[in-house]
Amino acid sequence: KILIKYKIPTPIFFEIKPNLLNESYLNKYKKKFYKFIIKPNESGSSFGIRIIKTKNDFHNLIKNLKNYKNELKYHNSLIIEKYINGKELTVSVLEIYNKLQSLEVTEILSKNKFFDYKAKYSRGYAKHILPANIPLNIYKKCLSFALRAHKILKCNAISRTDFIYEKKSKKIFYLETNSQPGLTAISLVPEQAKFKNITFEEIILQLIKKINE
């Protein structure tokens, strides 16, 4: 909602309460979007995400709706968002040596249905294309939007912002900003930093410095 005010495009979405999830309610969004995504408005690492692209996906969601709602019992809200088919992109933003900068754009190719928890934290389940193979103007726009999102959302020292590039329309759509991005050996922030000749140790020292300011 905040970023839309700043002219950063995002897929059409609706915010709802988890207890409102029922077949008739979900049918309404199926008719509206045909393909859609359900995202918990809290947590991270792709927890609780459901991507509905086919009749079978929808059938399985309805069939397991009781268990899914139980999984979300500690969440206050969900986002139901129109599914955008395209390249999944991500940009790290890092404040280093008193300079806030967007690092690079990475394209993520997941072996799973999407870039889920397993693909994020297990070797061999995702391929990172760095720098992303996208038009230069889109590349620059991703860097610019990620930096703006970091500032607008008042992130501190580090963030990672995700986008979808829809080749058909040649547009990018903002998905989310991670204010505590992963810092494992196969995570995207350290990988982009290394590409820019910034070591993992430098990242950690800068984060400690920001905490102590």
Protein backbone atom coordinates (compact mmCIF):
# COMPACT_ATOMS: atom_id res chain seq x y z
CA LYS A 1 0.00 0.00 0.00
CA ILE A 2 2.84 2.34 0.87
CA LEU A 3 4.86 1.65 -2.27
CA ILE A 4 1.87 2.12 -4.58
CA LYS A 5 1.73 5.71 -3.32
CA TYR A 6 5.31 6.09 -4.55
CA LYS A 7 4.45 4.77 -8.05
CA ILE A 8 6.20 1.42 -7.59
CA PRO A 9 4.02 -1.15 -9.43
CA THR A 10 2.83 -4.24 -7.59
CA PRO A 11 0.36 -6.98 -8.61
CA ILE A 12 -3.32 -6.38 -7.81
CA PHE A 13 -3.93 -7.67 -4.28
CA PHE A 14 -6.45 -7.88 -1.45
CA GLU A 15 -5.75 -8.18 2.25
CA ILE A 16 -7.97 -10.58 4.19
CA LYS A 17 -8.26 -12.28 7.59
CA PRO A 18 -7.31 -16.00 7.68
CA ASN A 19 -10.63 -16.94 9.28
CA LEU A 20 -12.42 -15.68 6.16
CA LEU A 21 -10.83 -18.36 4.00
CA ASN A 22 -13.61 -20.59 2.71
CA GLU A 23 -14.56 -22.13 -0.62
CA SER A 24 -17.01 -19.46 -1.72
CA TYR A 25 -14.61 -16.66 -0.77
CA LEU A 26 -11.73 -18.28 -2.64
CA ASN A 27 -13.97 -18.97 -5.65
CA LYS A 28 -14.51 -15.23 -5.90
CA TYR A 29 -10.77 -14.65 -6.33
CA LYS A 30 -10.44 -17.60 -8.68
CA LYS A 31 -13.04 -16.00 -10.97
CA LYS A 32 -11.41 -12.59 -10.62
CA PHE A 33 -7.78 -13.60 -11.19
CA TYR A 34 -7.98 -17.19 -12.51
CA LYS A 35 -4.43 -17.64 -11.17
CA PHE A 36 -3.51 -16.22 -7.77
CA ILE A 37 -1.14 -16.47 -4.81
CA ILE A 38 -1.93 -16.53 -1.10
CA LYS A 39 0.76 -15.06 1.15
CA PRO A 40 0.82 -14.69 4.94
CA ASN A 41 1.44 -11.05 5.79
CA GLU A 42 3.97 -12.07 8.43
CA SER A 43 6.75 -14.69 8.81
CA GLY A 44 9.33 -15.23 6.06
CA SER A 45 11.22 -17.84 4.04
CA SER A 46 8.11 -18.52 1.93
CA PHE A 47 6.16 -19.91 4.90
CA GLY A 48 2.50 -20.57 4.12
CA ILE A 49 2.59 -19.50 0.46
CA ARG A 50 0.12 -21.21 -1.88
CA ILE A 51 0.23 -20.72 -5.65
CA ILE A 52 -3.01 -21.50 -7.46
CA LYS A 53 -2.57 -21.87 -11.22
CA THR A 54 -4.71 -24.89 -12.14
CA LYS A 55 -8.04 -26.49 -11.23
CA ASN A 56 -6.07 -29.19 -9.42
CA ASP A 57 -4.23 -26.57 -7.35
CA PHE A 58 -7.54 -25.04 -6.34
CA HIS A 59 -9.08 -28.43 -5.56
CA ASN A 60 -6.13 -29.33 -3.30
CA LEU A 61 -6.35 -25.98 -1.52
CA ILE A 62 -10.05 -26.48 -0.75
CA LYS A 63 -9.49 -30.11 0.23
CA ASN A 64 -6.78 -29.14 2.75
CA LEU A 65 -8.24 -25.79 3.79
CA LYS A 66 -8.79 -26.78 7.43
CA ASN A 67 -5.13 -27.78 7.87
CA TYR A 68 -3.95 -24.68 6.01
CA LYS A 69 -6.00 -22.38 8.25
CA ASN A 70 -4.56 -24.15 11.29
CA GLU A 71 -1.08 -23.55 9.89
CA LEU A 72 -1.91 -19.83 9.79
CA LYS A 73 -3.52 -19.59 13.23
CA TYR A 74 -0.88 -17.14 14.51
CA HIS A 75 -1.23 -14.81 11.52
CA ASN A 76 -3.45 -11.75 11.55
CA SER A 77 -3.75 -11.19 7.82
CA LEU A 78 -3.12 -12.67 4.38
CA ILE A 79 -2.54 -11.19 0.95
CA ILE A 80 -4.35 -12.68 -2.05
CA GLU A 81 -2.47 -11.48 -5.09
CA LYS A 82 -2.86 -11.87 -8.83
CA TYR A 83 -0.31 -14.38 -10.18
CA ILE A 84 2.22 -12.82 -12.56
CA ASN A 85 4.06 -15.20 -14.87
CA GLY A 86 7.65 -14.13 -15.45
CA LYS A 87 11.23 -14.07 -14.28
CA GLU A 88 11.78 -13.93 -10.53
CA LEU A 89 14.35 -11.24 -9.71
CA THR A 90 15.93 -10.00 -6.52
CA VAL A 91 18.09 -7.02 -5.52
CA SER A 92 20.18 -6.64 -2.37
CA VAL A 93 20.54 -3.22 -0.79
CA LEU A 94 23.43 -2.68 1.59
CA GLU A 95 24.79 0.25 3.52
CA ILE A 96 28.54 -0.15 3.46
CA TYR A 97 31.20 2.41 4.34
CA ASN A 98 28.50 5.03 4.87
CA LYS A 99 27.05 4.52 1.40
CA LEU A 100 23.65 2.95 0.74
CA GLN A 101 23.63 1.09 -2.56
CA SER A 102 21.74 -1.47 -4.63
CA LEU A 103 24.19 -4.26 -5.40
CA GLU A 104 23.03 -6.32 -8.41
CA VAL A 105 19.98 -8.05 -9.91
CA THR A 106 19.84 -11.85 -9.70
CA GLU A 107 17.39 -14.07 -11.58
CA ILE A 108 16.25 -17.07 -9.54
CA LEU A 109 15.40 -20.38 -11.18
CA SER A 110 13.93 -22.89 -8.72
CA LYS A 111 13.71 -26.64 -9.29
CA ASN A 112 10.64 -26.66 -7.05
CA LYS A 113 7.27 -25.14 -7.92
CA PHE A 114 8.62 -21.80 -6.71
CA PHE A 115 11.49 -20.40 -4.62
CA ASP A 116 10.30 -22.08 -1.42
CA TYR A 117 12.05 -22.85 1.88
CA LYS A 118 13.83 -25.92 0.49
CA ALA A 119 15.04 -24.07 -2.60
CA LYS A 120 16.27 -21.19 -0.44
CA TYR A 121 18.29 -23.24 2.04
CA SER A 122 19.29 -26.48 0.29
CA ARG A 123 22.07 -26.71 -2.27
CA GLY A 124 21.06 -27.81 -5.75
CA TYR A 125 17.42 -26.70 -5.64
CA ALA A 126 17.86 -23.24 -7.13
CA LYS A 127 20.03 -21.63 -9.77
CA HIS A 128 21.08 -18.00 -9.46
CA ILE A 129 21.83 -16.08 -12.66
CA LEU A 130 24.02 -13.12 -11.73
CA PRO A 131 23.77 -10.64 -13.32
CA ALA A 132 20.21 -11.35 -14.46
CA ASN A 133 19.69 -11.77 -18.20
CA ILE A 134 17.13 -8.99 -18.65
CA PRO A 135 17.01 -5.74 -20.68
CA LEU A 136 19.31 -3.03 -19.31
CA ASN A 137 16.46 -0.60 -18.68
CA ILE A 138 14.65 -3.22 -16.56
CA TYR A 139 17.90 -4.00 -14.73
CA LYS A 140 18.36 -0.34 -13.83
CA LYS A 141 14.72 0.00 -12.82
CA CYS A 142 15.05 -2.96 -10.41
CA LEU A 143 18.12 -1.37 -8.80
CA SER A 144 16.30 1.94 -8.48
CA PHE A 145 13.05 0.50 -7.11
CA ALA A 146 14.91 -1.67 -4.56
CA LEU A 147 16.84 1.32 -3.24
CA ARG A 148 13.67 3.42 -3.08
CA ALA A 149 11.77 0.64 -1.28
CA HIS A 150 14.58 0.33 1.28
CA LYS A 151 14.39 4.05 2.03
CA ILE A 152 10.59 4.34 1.94
CA LEU A 153 10.13 1.37 4.29
CA LYS A 154 12.92 2.68 6.55
CA CYS A 155 14.96 -0.50 6.44
CA ASN A 156 18.17 -0.48 8.45
CA ALA A 157 21.54 -1.27 6.84
CA ILE A 158 20.41 -4.24 4.75
CA SER A 159 17.41 -5.50 2.76
CA ARG A 160 16.53 -7.62 -0.25
CA THR A 161 13.67 -6.76 -2.57
CA ASP A 162 11.98 -9.23 -4.91
CA PHE A 163 10.37 -8.54 -8.29
CA ILE A 164 8.70 -10.37 -11.17
CA TYR A 165 9.56 -9.37 -14.72
CA GLU A 166 6.63 -10.10 -17.03
CA LYS A 167 8.21 -10.52 -20.47
CA LYS A 168 4.88 -10.28 -22.29
CA SER A 169 4.15 -6.77 -21.03
CA LYS A 170 7.83 -5.92 -20.45
CA LYS A 171 6.94 -4.67 -16.96
CA ILE A 172 8.33 -5.38 -13.53
CA PHE A 173 6.19 -5.84 -10.44
CA TYR A 174 7.30 -5.36 -6.86
CA LEU A 175 6.60 -8.41 -4.66
CA GLU A 176 8.14 -7.76 -1.24
CA THR A 177 11.06 -6.39 0.73
CA ASN A 178 12.89 -8.66 3.14
CA SER A 179 14.15 -6.56 6.05
CA GLN A 180 16.11 -9.53 7.46
CA PRO A 181 17.40 -11.34 4.37
CA GLY A 182 19.17 -14.68 4.58
CA LEU A 183 22.92 -14.69 5.23
CA THR A 184 23.72 -18.38 4.75
CA ALA A 185 26.50 -19.71 2.51
CA ILE A 186 24.03 -20.02 -0.40
CA SER A 187 21.98 -16.88 0.27
CA LEU A 188 21.52 -14.12 -2.28
CA VAL A 189 22.87 -11.11 -0.34
CA PRO A 190 26.36 -12.56 0.27
CA GLU A 191 26.45 -13.79 -3.33
CA GLN A 192 25.67 -10.34 -4.75
CA ALA A 193 28.09 -8.71 -2.31
CA LYS A 194 30.88 -11.07 -3.39
CA PHE A 195 30.14 -10.14 -7.02
CA LYS A 196 30.79 -6.51 -5.98
CA ASN A 197 34.00 -7.51 -4.13
CA ILE A 198 32.41 -7.09 -0.70
CA THR A 199 33.30 -9.92 1.69
CA PHE A 200 30.92 -11.63 4.10
CA GLU A 201 33.04 -10.34 6.99
CA GLU A 202 32.59 -6.77 5.74
CA ILE A 203 28.80 -7.24 5.67
CA ILE A 204 28.76 -8.52 9.26
CA LEU A 205 31.05 -5.75 10.53
CA GLN A 206 28.84 -3.12 8.89
CA LEU A 207 25.72 -4.62 10.49
CA ILE A 208 27.39 -4.62 13.92
CA LYS A 209 28.45 -1.03 13.37
CA LYS A 210 24.86 0.01 12.54
CA ILE A 211 23.52 -1.76 15.65
CA ASN A 212 25.99 0.12 17.84
CA GLU A 213 25.27 3.55 16.35
